[in-house]
Amino acid sequence: MKQIIKIPFAFRILILVIALLPACKGLLSQKKSKPVWLEQRPVNSKYYIGVGYANKLNNPNDYQQLAKKNALNDLVGEIKVNVSTHSILSTFENNSNINQQYLTSTKITADALVEDFQVADSWEDKNGFWIYYKLSKMDYESNRRKKIQNAIDRSVDLLDRSNRVDLKDKYIMAIQFKVKALLELQNYYNEALEAFYRGRQVYLVNEIVNQLQDLLSKVSVRSEIIQLKGKVGKAIPEPFNVMAYLKDSTSVRLGIGGMAMSMNVEQGKMNFGTSTETDQNGFASFSVARILTKDPVQVLRISLDVANVVKGDSLNIASKNILHSLTVPSASIRVIVEPIKVFMQSNESNLSKDLSYNVLEPAIKKRLVEEGCNFVKKESEADYKIIINSETKDLGIMWGKMLQSSFDMNISLRDVKNDIEIYKDALQAVRGYQDSPEKAGLDAYKNGLEQFWRKIYTNLIDELLVKEH
């Protein structure tokens, strides 16, 4: 009779593990080896390919997300965006700015169309993580055509709504619908985008732009004034109104309420609020915060701001450039710039004696004239008064025959019309050296003027030409 030897269960498990070790080792070795797609980029006529990588050491918490993002960017980079000869971009082929702005946004356009991509594989080691995406070219093209058609349908609906609006009552609504119709198509400016609209086949983006231009031609912009007067460095305190209204055969101007308006400098340089809206009667109010250059004649232009008529919506840069390329109604205003009138009183002495010719006064006047100031002989004619008091003191022998003097200066700026001091400053104990007390005093004046340019002049100009009082 044969004796049956019972092997303990735990021992049987141990034997099984030992038997399987070579196979597991083979699998582990196989897993550790780099896949072919890392050594050589995959090429497939039926798929777009994207491979992304992230360094684990540099991105320990989000390396997988970073690799996925890089893979998607790589995949999108394979999608070529062709520009149709009948697209809006071809219409603006001479405008490099519009074309460049669109071409830089083609990645965003492709991103919007990329769906249903697949994870083909991934691999990692202790240093990095790689992921491999693929997207069916057939699925991408089908999805692209579907999205474009949906965008065309929405755009046509908005265009129809615009053309049903009564312009006398709701001009702003008509233009808003047209801009929104353009917005629906802004990811596809490279396409011809044909549509059957009101009995005819049209290129839809071009049609919208043409209708916008026609709508804008029905408006006039008029300013209440044709000329303003101001001074360099100062505001023009009185606001002025500009009216936007529909051209009409009647004598009554029909103002357009809620219309975005913008003001820009056509010639010169100024600070101001650039945009506003018309009130219910079609009036928009503007003002100049500061004139920044001394050019005697400057020009402002106030225009309809088509790019800002749709609030809360996001026109991309290419769309804004297209809208800005339209001819918009506008009005121009001349600004006559007068120099600031300054009266200067400079009391300059050297060793308690009045200088035979002033050192500070002519140098400071010359610089302020270059800034756009005009010096007058009567204080009553001035906008501002500058008062300078300066003197030197003999400090005796420095060494050998070398003598030294000390220069002190006080300066005050007063608003003549309001009779107030608006700025004051001082220099003290600026040294000068020469072989006589008088010459040492003049050397101290020279050094004092250099310190004036460095320490005081900029603040003086800020008060005189920049700040309002």
Protein backbone atom coordinates (compact mmCIF):
# COMPACT_ATOMS: atom_id res chain seq x y z
CA MET A 1 0.00 0.00 0.00
CA LYS A 2 1.39 3.30 -1.08
CA GLN A 3 1.80 5.96 1.51
CA ILE A 4 0.32 9.35 0.53
CA ILE A 5 2.49 12.25 1.59
CA LYS A 6 0.51 15.38 2.26
CA ILE A 7 2.36 18.61 1.36
CA PRO A 8 1.33 21.57 3.52
CA PHE A 9 -0.65 24.28 1.71
CA ALA A 10 1.83 27.07 2.47
CA PHE A 11 4.65 24.93 1.07
CA ARG A 12 2.68 24.30 -2.15
CA ILE A 13 2.20 28.09 -2.58
CA LEU A 14 5.92 28.62 -2.12
CA ILE A 15 6.71 26.03 -4.81
CA LEU A 16 4.26 27.72 -7.18
CA VAL A 17 5.81 31.17 -6.63
CA ILE A 18 9.31 29.77 -7.25
CA ALA A 19 8.10 28.13 -10.45
CA LEU A 20 6.56 31.36 -11.71
CA LEU A 21 9.52 33.62 -10.89
CA PRO A 22 11.30 33.18 -14.25
CA ALA A 23 8.11 34.06 -16.14
CA CYS A 24 7.48 37.15 -13.96
CA LYS A 25 11.06 38.20 -14.38
CA GLY A 26 10.61 38.02 -18.13
CA LEU A 27 7.48 40.12 -17.98
CA LEU A 28 9.14 42.72 -15.78
CA SER A 29 12.10 42.91 -18.09
CA GLN A 30 9.77 43.35 -21.03
CA LYS A 31 7.85 46.13 -19.22
CA LYS A 32 11.07 47.99 -18.46
CA SER A 33 12.20 48.15 -22.05
CA LYS A 34 11.33 51.31 -23.96
CA PRO A 35 8.52 50.97 -26.52
CA VAL A 36 9.25 51.50 -30.21
CA TRP A 37 7.20 54.72 -30.38
CA LEU A 38 9.67 56.39 -28.03
CA GLU A 39 12.65 55.46 -30.15
CA GLN A 40 11.00 56.40 -33.44
CA ARG A 41 7.98 58.70 -33.81
CA PRO A 42 4.93 56.81 -35.13
CA VAL A 43 3.68 57.63 -38.64
CA ASN A 44 0.15 56.65 -39.64
CA SER A 45 -1.77 57.97 -42.65
CA LYS A 46 -5.08 57.40 -40.85
CA TYR A 47 -4.24 59.10 -37.54
CA TYR A 48 -2.88 62.32 -36.13
CA ILE A 49 -0.20 61.48 -33.56
CA GLY A 50 0.74 63.24 -30.33
CA VAL A 51 3.49 62.24 -27.93
CA GLY A 52 3.95 64.05 -24.62
CA TYR A 53 6.61 63.88 -21.93
CA ALA A 54 7.01 65.23 -18.38
CA ASN A 55 9.95 65.03 -16.01
CA LYS A 56 8.91 63.43 -12.71
CA LEU A 57 11.66 65.12 -10.71
CA ASN A 58 10.67 68.60 -11.85
CA ASN A 59 6.92 67.95 -11.64
CA PRO A 60 6.40 65.35 -8.89
CA ASN A 61 2.71 66.13 -8.30
CA ASP A 62 1.32 66.75 -11.78
CA TYR A 63 3.70 65.07 -14.21
CA GLN A 64 0.92 62.98 -15.79
CA GLN A 65 -1.27 66.01 -16.48
CA LEU A 66 1.68 67.90 -17.94
CA ALA A 67 2.58 64.99 -20.22
CA LYS A 68 -1.04 64.74 -21.40
CA LYS A 69 -1.11 68.46 -22.14
CA ASN A 70 2.13 68.20 -24.10
CA ALA A 71 0.79 65.20 -26.04
CA LEU A 72 -2.37 67.11 -26.98
CA ASN A 73 -0.31 70.12 -28.09
CA ASP A 74 1.86 67.79 -30.17
CA LEU A 75 -1.21 66.20 -31.73
CA VAL A 76 -2.76 69.58 -32.56
CA GLY A 77 0.54 70.65 -34.11
CA GLU A 78 0.11 67.93 -36.74
CA ILE A 79 -3.18 69.40 -37.92
CA LYS A 80 -2.50 71.76 -40.79
CA VAL A 81 -4.75 74.80 -41.24
CA ASN A 82 -5.16 75.78 -44.87
CA VAL A 83 -6.46 79.19 -45.92
CA SER A 84 -9.15 79.13 -48.60
CA THR A 85 -8.85 81.65 -51.41
CA HIS A 86 -12.47 82.65 -50.70
CA SER A 87 -12.03 83.15 -46.96
CA ILE A 88 -12.04 86.50 -45.17
CA LEU A 89 -8.28 86.10 -44.69
CA SER A 90 -7.73 86.20 -48.42
CA THR A 91 -9.75 89.43 -48.55
CA PHE A 92 -7.31 90.90 -46.04
CA GLU A 93 -4.24 89.34 -47.64
CA ASN A 94 -2.46 92.70 -47.66
CA ASN A 95 -3.11 93.21 -43.96
CA SER A 96 -0.30 91.22 -42.35
CA ASN A 97 -1.52 92.11 -38.86
CA ILE A 98 -4.90 90.41 -39.29
CA ASN A 99 -3.40 87.37 -40.96
CA GLN A 100 -0.65 87.00 -38.39
CA GLN A 101 -3.09 87.28 -35.50
CA TYR A 102 -5.23 84.56 -37.01
CA LEU A 103 -2.33 82.26 -37.80
CA THR A 104 -1.10 82.49 -34.21
CA SER A 105 -4.58 81.42 -33.07
CA THR A 106 -4.85 78.37 -35.35
CA LYS A 107 -3.76 76.16 -32.47
CA ILE A 108 -6.76 77.38 -30.48
CA THR A 109 -8.97 76.72 -33.49
CA ALA A 110 -7.72 73.16 -33.78
CA ASP A 111 -8.08 72.64 -30.02
CA ALA A 112 -11.76 73.46 -30.31
CA LEU A 113 -12.21 70.69 -32.88
CA VAL A 114 -10.15 67.96 -31.26
CA GLU A 115 -12.42 65.37 -29.65
CA ASP A 116 -12.43 61.60 -29.15
CA PHE A 117 -8.65 61.17 -29.29
CA GLN A 118 -7.40 57.87 -27.85
CA VAL A 119 -4.60 56.91 -25.49
CA ALA A 120 -2.60 54.48 -27.61
CA ASP A 121 0.04 53.76 -24.99
CA SER A 122 2.03 55.16 -22.07
CA TRP A 123 5.37 54.38 -20.46
CA GLU A 124 7.37 55.58 -17.50
CA ASP A 125 10.60 55.11 -15.63
CA LYS A 126 11.93 56.65 -12.42
CA ASN A 127 12.75 59.95 -14.20
CA GLY A 128 9.92 60.56 -16.64
CA PHE A 129 6.46 59.79 -17.97
CA TRP A 130 5.49 59.50 -21.67
CA ILE A 131 2.03 59.24 -23.21
CA TYR A 132 0.99 58.52 -26.78
CA TYR A 133 -2.26 59.94 -28.26
CA LYS A 134 -3.84 59.26 -31.62
CA LEU A 135 -6.86 60.79 -33.35
CA SER A 136 -8.65 59.39 -36.37
CA LYS A 137 -8.29 61.81 -39.28
CA MET A 138 -11.66 60.68 -40.61
CA ASP A 139 -13.37 61.32 -37.25
CA TYR A 140 -11.65 64.70 -36.94
CA GLU A 141 -12.78 65.79 -40.39
CA SER A 142 -16.35 64.63 -39.76
CA ASN A 143 -16.43 66.48 -36.44
CA ARG A 144 -14.94 69.60 -38.06
CA ARG A 145 -17.58 69.70 -40.81
CA LYS A 146 -20.35 69.20 -38.25
CA LYS A 147 -19.09 72.03 -36.03
CA ILE A 148 -18.67 74.39 -38.97
CA GLN A 149 -22.20 73.72 -40.20
CA ASN A 150 -23.62 74.30 -36.72
CA ALA A 151 -21.71 77.58 -36.50
CA ILE A 152 -23.01 78.64 -39.93
CA ASP A 153 -26.59 77.86 -38.91
CA ARG A 154 -26.29 79.95 -35.72
CA SER A 155 -24.63 82.78 -37.60
CA VAL A 156 -27.32 82.88 -40.30
CA ASP A 157 -30.02 82.98 -37.63
CA LEU A 158 -28.34 85.97 -35.93
CA LEU A 159 -27.93 87.72 -39.27
CA ASP A 160 -31.63 87.24 -40.01
CA ARG A 161 -32.54 88.66 -36.61
CA SER A 162 -30.36 91.69 -37.29
CA ASN A 163 -32.01 92.38 -40.62
CA ARG A 164 -35.50 92.21 -39.09
CA VAL A 165 -34.74 94.98 -36.57
CA ASP A 166 -36.20 98.47 -37.07
CA LEU A 167 -33.09 100.66 -37.19
CA LYS A 168 -34.91 103.78 -35.99
CA ASP A 169 -35.82 102.07 -32.74
CA LYS A 170 -33.05 99.51 -32.20
CA TYR A 171 -30.00 100.34 -34.28
CA ILE A 172 -27.64 99.12 -31.55
CA MET A 173 -29.44 95.75 -31.46
CA ALA A 174 -29.03 95.36 -35.21
CA ILE A 175 -25.29 95.92 -35.03
CA GLN A 176 -24.95 93.66 -31.98
CA PHE A 177 -26.62 90.76 -33.81
CA LYS A 178 -24.26 91.20 -36.74
CA VAL A 179 -21.18 91.23 -34.51
CA LYS A 180 -22.47 88.11 -32.71
CA ALA A 181 -22.99 86.45 -36.10
CA LEU A 182 -19.33 87.15 -36.84
CA LEU A 183 -18.32 85.83 -33.42
CA GLU A 184 -19.95 82.46 -34.17
CA LEU A 185 -17.55 81.99 -37.11
CA GLN A 186 -14.31 83.36 -35.69
CA ASN A 187 -12.67 79.93 -35.30
CA TYR A 188 -13.09 79.24 -39.01
CA TYR A 189 -11.83 82.40 -40.78
CA ASN A 190 -9.55 80.22 -42.90
CA GLU A 191 -12.61 78.49 -44.43
CA ALA A 192 -14.72 79.69 -47.34
CA LEU A 193 -17.89 79.18 -45.21
CA GLU A 194 -20.47 79.23 -47.98
CA ALA A 195 -24.15 79.56 -47.08
CA PHE A 196 -27.44 79.97 -48.91
CA TYR A 197 -28.74 83.28 -47.60
CA ARG A 198 -31.91 85.06 -48.76
CA GLY A 199 -32.01 83.45 -52.15
CA ARG A 200 -28.31 83.54 -53.00
CA GLN A 201 -25.09 81.68 -52.26
CA VAL A 202 -22.69 83.82 -50.24
CA TYR A 203 -19.40 83.58 -48.41
CA LEU A 204 -20.85 84.18 -44.99
CA VAL A 205 -18.04 86.01 -43.15
CA ASN A 206 -17.56 88.38 -46.07
CA GLU A 207 -21.33 88.93 -46.20
CA ILE A 208 -21.45 89.82 -42.49
CA VAL A 209 -18.54 92.25 -42.83
CA ASN A 210 -20.17 93.91 -45.85
CA GLN A 211 -23.49 94.24 -44.01
CA LEU A 212 -21.71 95.74 -41.00
CA GLN A 213 -20.02 98.28 -43.23
CA ASP A 214 -23.36 99.17 -44.83
CA LEU A 215 -24.96 99.52 -41.38
CA LEU A 216 -22.16 101.83 -40.22
CA SER A 217 -22.59 104.04 -43.28
CA LYS A 218 -26.09 104.96 -42.03
CA VAL A 219 -24.63 106.78 -39.00
CA SER A 220 -23.05 110.21 -38.53
CA VAL A 221 -20.92 111.44 -35.63
CA ARG A 222 -20.82 115.14 -34.81
CA SER A 223 -19.04 117.07 -32.08
CA GLU A 224 -20.55 120.09 -30.36
CA ILE A 225 -17.20 121.84 -30.77
CA ILE A 226 -14.50 121.70 -33.42
CA GLN A 227 -11.65 123.15 -31.35
CA LEU A 228 -10.32 122.97 -27.78
CA LYS A 229 -7.68 125.03 -26.00
CA GLY A 230 -5.34 123.67 -23.36
CA LYS A 231 -1.88 123.92 -21.84
CA VAL A 232 0.91 121.36 -21.93
CA GLY A 233 0.97 119.22 -18.79
CA LYS A 234 -2.55 120.26 -17.79
CA ALA A 235 -6.09 118.96 -18.15
CA ILE A 236 -8.81 120.55 -20.22
CA PRO A 237 -11.34 120.66 -17.39
CA GLU A 238 -14.48 121.28 -19.45
CA PRO A 239 -15.98 118.07 -20.91
CA PHE A 240 -17.41 118.11 -24.42
CA ASN A 241 -20.21 116.11 -26.05
CA VAL A 242 -20.24 114.09 -29.25
CA MET A 243 -23.46 112.83 -30.85
CA ALA A 244 -24.04 109.62 -32.82
CA TYR A 245 -27.22 109.71 -34.91
CA LEU A 246 -28.90 108.01 -37.86
CA LYS A 247 -28.71 109.77 -41.18
CA ASP A 248 -32.26 110.71 -42.12
CA SER A 249 -34.08 112.84 -44.66
CA THR A 250 -35.86 114.72 -41.89
CA SER A 251 -34.38 117.72 -40.07
CA VAL A 252 -34.51 115.98 -36.68
CA ARG A 253 -31.42 114.01 -35.72
CA LEU A 254 -32.33 110.60 -34.33
CA GLY A 255 -29.72 109.84 -31.67
CA ILE A 256 -28.46 106.31 -31.09
CA GLY A 257 -28.43 105.33 -27.42
CA GLY A 258 -26.08 102.73 -25.89
CA MET A 259 -23.52 102.99 -28.68
CA ALA A 260 -19.87 102.34 -27.69
CA MET A 261 -17.65 105.30 -28.61
CA SER A 262 -13.89 105.68 -28.39
CA MET A 263 -11.51 108.66 -28.45
CA ASN A 264 -7.97 108.42 -29.84
CA VAL A 265 -5.15 110.85 -30.52
CA GLU A 266 -4.65 111.29 -34.23
CA GLN A 267 -1.87 113.83 -33.76
CA GLY A 268 -0.06 114.69 -30.53
CA LYS A 269 -0.11 112.97 -27.15
CA MET A 270 -2.71 113.14 -24.35
CA ASN A 271 -4.17 111.19 -21.45
CA PHE A 272 -7.91 110.57 -21.23
CA GLY A 273 -10.59 107.95 -20.77
CA THR A 274 -10.65 106.25 -24.15
CA SER A 275 -14.17 104.84 -24.33
CA THR A 276 -17.73 105.48 -23.21
CA GLU A 277 -21.32 104.95 -24.36
CA THR A 278 -23.91 107.33 -25.74
CA ASP A 279 -26.88 108.18 -23.55
CA GLN A 280 -30.51 107.66 -24.63
CA ASN A 281 -30.30 110.80 -26.79
CA GLY A 282 -27.14 109.69 -28.57
CA PHE A 283 -24.66 111.90 -26.68
CA ALA A 284 -21.31 110.75 -25.27
CA SER A 285 -19.19 112.95 -23.01
CA PHE A 286 -15.37 113.13 -23.20
CA SER A 287 -12.63 115.10 -21.48
CA VAL A 288 -8.85 115.43 -21.66
CA ALA A 289 -7.01 114.52 -18.45
CA ARG A 290 -3.63 115.86 -19.49
CA ILE A 291 -1.80 117.19 -22.55
CA LEU A 292 1.56 115.43 -22.72
CA THR A 293 3.40 117.17 -25.54
CA LYS A 294 4.02 120.81 -26.46
CA ASP A 295 3.00 120.44 -30.13
CA PRO A 296 0.94 123.59 -30.76
CA VAL A 297 -1.79 121.82 -32.77
CA GLN A 298 -3.01 118.34 -31.82
CA VAL A 299 -5.97 116.33 -33.08
CA LEU A 300 -8.47 114.03 -31.35
CA ARG A 301 -10.75 111.59 -33.18
CA ILE A 302 -13.98 110.21 -31.69
CA SER A 303 -15.41 107.15 -33.44
CA LEU A 304 -17.98 104.40 -33.15
CA ASP A 305 -16.32 101.46 -31.38
CA VAL A 306 -17.76 98.41 -33.14
CA ALA A 307 -15.52 95.93 -31.30
CA ASN A 308 -17.08 96.91 -27.96
CA VAL A 309 -20.78 96.85 -28.85
CA VAL A 310 -21.12 93.24 -27.66
CA LYS A 311 -20.56 92.99 -23.91
CA GLY A 312 -19.69 89.77 -22.16
CA ASP A 313 -18.70 88.05 -25.39
CA SER A 314 -15.15 87.19 -26.38
CA LEU A 315 -14.06 88.36 -29.80
CA ASN A 316 -10.63 86.98 -30.55
CA ILE A 317 -7.83 89.27 -31.69
CA ALA A 318 -8.36 88.49 -35.38
CA SER A 319 -12.06 89.43 -35.06
CA LYS A 320 -11.20 92.70 -33.34
CA ASN A 321 -8.71 93.51 -36.07
CA ILE A 322 -11.33 92.82 -38.74
CA LEU A 323 -13.80 95.12 -36.98
CA HIS A 324 -11.16 97.80 -36.53
CA SER A 325 -10.46 97.64 -40.27
CA LEU A 326 -14.01 98.83 -41.01
CA THR A 327 -14.59 102.45 -41.95
CA VAL A 328 -16.48 103.89 -38.99
CA PRO A 329 -18.25 107.25 -38.57
CA SER A 330 -16.09 109.71 -36.64
CA ALA A 331 -15.54 113.34 -35.76
CA SER A 332 -12.22 115.16 -35.29
CA ILE A 333 -11.42 117.97 -32.85
CA ARG A 334 -8.40 120.24 -32.98
CA VAL A 335 -6.61 120.98 -29.72
CA ILE A 336 -4.68 124.26 -29.62
CA VAL A 337 -1.93 123.86 -27.04
CA GLU A 338 -0.68 126.96 -25.26
CA PRO A 339 2.54 126.96 -23.22
CA ILE A 340 2.41 127.41 -19.44
CA LYS A 341 3.26 130.98 -18.47
CA VAL A 342 5.92 131.24 -15.77
CA PHE A 343 7.37 134.23 -13.91
CA MET A 344 10.78 133.65 -12.29
CA GLN A 345 12.34 135.63 -9.45
CA SER A 346 15.90 134.54 -8.74
CA ASN A 347 18.00 136.20 -6.01
CA GLU A 348 21.55 134.89 -6.35
CA SER A 349 24.48 136.14 -4.27
CA ASN A 350 28.09 135.13 -3.76
CA LEU A 351 29.66 135.94 -0.38
CA SER A 352 26.81 138.39 0.42
CA LYS A 353 27.19 140.25 -2.89
CA ASP A 354 24.65 140.02 -5.76
CA LEU A 355 26.06 138.17 -8.74
CA SER A 356 26.78 140.37 -11.73
CA TYR A 357 25.06 137.68 -13.79
CA ASN A 358 22.84 134.89 -12.43
CA VAL A 359 24.01 131.29 -12.70
CA LEU A 360 20.83 129.36 -11.88
CA GLU A 361 18.15 131.44 -13.59
CA PRO A 362 19.24 131.19 -17.27
CA ALA A 363 20.05 127.47 -17.01
CA ILE A 364 16.69 126.61 -15.41
CA LYS A 365 14.75 128.84 -17.81
CA LYS A 366 16.40 127.19 -20.82
CA ARG A 367 15.40 123.71 -19.63
CA LEU A 368 11.82 124.74 -18.81
CA VAL A 369 11.38 126.42 -22.21
CA GLU A 370 12.36 123.09 -23.79
CA GLU A 371 9.59 121.48 -21.68
CA GLY A 372 7.02 123.86 -23.18
CA CYS A 373 6.96 126.72 -20.66
CA ASN A 374 6.81 130.38 -21.64
CA PHE A 375 8.42 132.97 -19.35
CA VAL A 376 6.67 136.32 -18.88
CA LYS A 377 7.94 139.64 -17.47
CA LYS A 378 4.91 140.40 -15.32
CA GLU A 379 3.80 138.22 -12.45
CA SER A 380 0.17 139.12 -13.16
CA GLU A 381 0.41 137.43 -16.57
CA ALA A 382 1.79 134.16 -15.19
CA ASP A 383 0.18 130.85 -14.28
CA TYR A 384 3.05 130.00 -11.92
CA LYS A 385 5.83 131.83 -10.11
CA ILE A 386 9.23 130.31 -9.30
CA ILE A 387 11.18 131.96 -6.48
CA ILE A 388 14.87 131.11 -6.01
CA ASN A 389 17.08 132.36 -3.18
CA SER A 390 20.70 131.27 -3.22
CA GLU A 391 23.93 132.33 -1.50
CA THR A 392 27.44 131.18 -0.67
CA LYS A 393 29.58 131.41 2.45
CA ASP A 394 33.36 131.52 2.77
CA LEU A 395 34.62 128.48 4.71
CA GLY A 396 38.28 129.53 4.65
CA ILE A 397 41.34 127.45 3.82
CA MET A 398 40.88 123.82 2.74
CA TRP A 399 44.60 123.07 2.45
CA GLY A 400 47.57 125.10 1.32
CA LYS A 401 46.25 127.89 -0.90
CA MET A 402 43.01 126.02 -1.72
CA LEU A 403 39.92 127.78 -0.33
CA GLN A 404 36.39 126.45 0.05
CA SER A 405 32.86 127.89 -0.02
CA SER A 406 29.41 126.54 0.86
CA PHE A 407 26.33 126.93 -1.39
CA ASP A 408 22.73 127.04 -0.08
CA MET A 409 19.58 127.29 -2.20
CA ASN A 410 15.82 127.47 -1.58
CA ILE A 411 13.22 127.15 -4.34
CA SER A 412 9.46 127.70 -4.18
CA LEU A 413 6.74 127.16 -6.80
CA ARG A 414 3.52 129.12 -6.41
CA ASP A 415 0.18 128.95 -8.22
CA VAL A 416 -0.37 132.61 -9.10
CA LYS A 417 -4.10 132.40 -9.80
CA ASN A 418 -4.87 130.59 -6.52
CA ASP A 419 -2.07 132.33 -4.57
CA ILE A 420 -0.79 129.11 -2.96
CA GLU A 421 2.60 127.48 -2.63
CA ILE A 422 2.49 124.08 -4.29
CA TYR A 423 6.12 122.98 -4.02
CA LYS A 424 9.33 123.90 -2.20
CA ASP A 425 12.75 122.32 -1.80
CA ALA A 426 16.31 123.19 -0.81
CA LEU A 427 19.99 122.38 -1.22
CA GLN A 428 22.42 122.96 1.61
CA ALA A 429 26.17 122.97 2.18
CA VAL A 430 27.21 122.18 -1.40
CA ARG A 431 30.97 122.76 -1.45
CA GLY A 432 33.13 124.56 -3.99
CA TYR A 433 36.93 124.87 -4.14
CA GLN A 434 39.28 127.40 -5.74
CA ASP A 435 42.26 129.67 -5.00
CA SER A 436 40.10 132.69 -4.08
CA PRO A 437 36.89 133.03 -2.04
CA GLU A 438 34.93 134.45 -5.00
CA LYS A 439 36.06 131.68 -7.36
CA ALA A 440 35.29 129.04 -4.71
CA GLY A 441 31.78 130.50 -4.40
CA LEU A 442 31.25 130.29 -8.17
CA ASP A 443 32.53 126.69 -8.13
CA ALA A 444 29.99 125.97 -5.37
CA TYR A 445 27.26 127.44 -7.65
CA LYS A 446 28.39 125.15 -10.44
CA ASN A 447 28.25 122.10 -8.17
CA GLY A 448 24.94 123.27 -6.72
CA LEU A 449 23.39 123.48 -10.21
CA GLU A 450 24.49 119.90 -10.93
CA GLN A 451 22.83 118.72 -7.73
CA PHE A 452 19.70 120.72 -8.64
CA TRP A 453 19.31 118.70 -11.86
CA ARG A 454 19.74 115.43 -9.99
CA LYS A 455 17.72 116.09 -6.82
CA ILE A 456 15.13 118.81 -7.48
CA TYR A 457 14.37 119.32 -11.18
CA THR A 458 12.28 116.16 -11.76
CA ASN A 459 10.06 116.95 -8.76
CA LEU A 460 9.69 120.54 -9.92
CA ILE A 461 8.60 119.41 -13.39
CA ASP A 462 6.14 116.91 -11.90
CA GLU A 463 4.48 119.73 -9.97
CA LEU A 464 4.62 122.21 -12.82
CA LEU A 465 3.55 120.05 -15.75
CA VAL A 466 2.00 116.85 -14.38
CA LYS A 467 0.05 117.22 -11.17
CA GLU A 468 -3.22 119.09 -11.02
CA HIS A 469 -3.87 121.59 -8.22
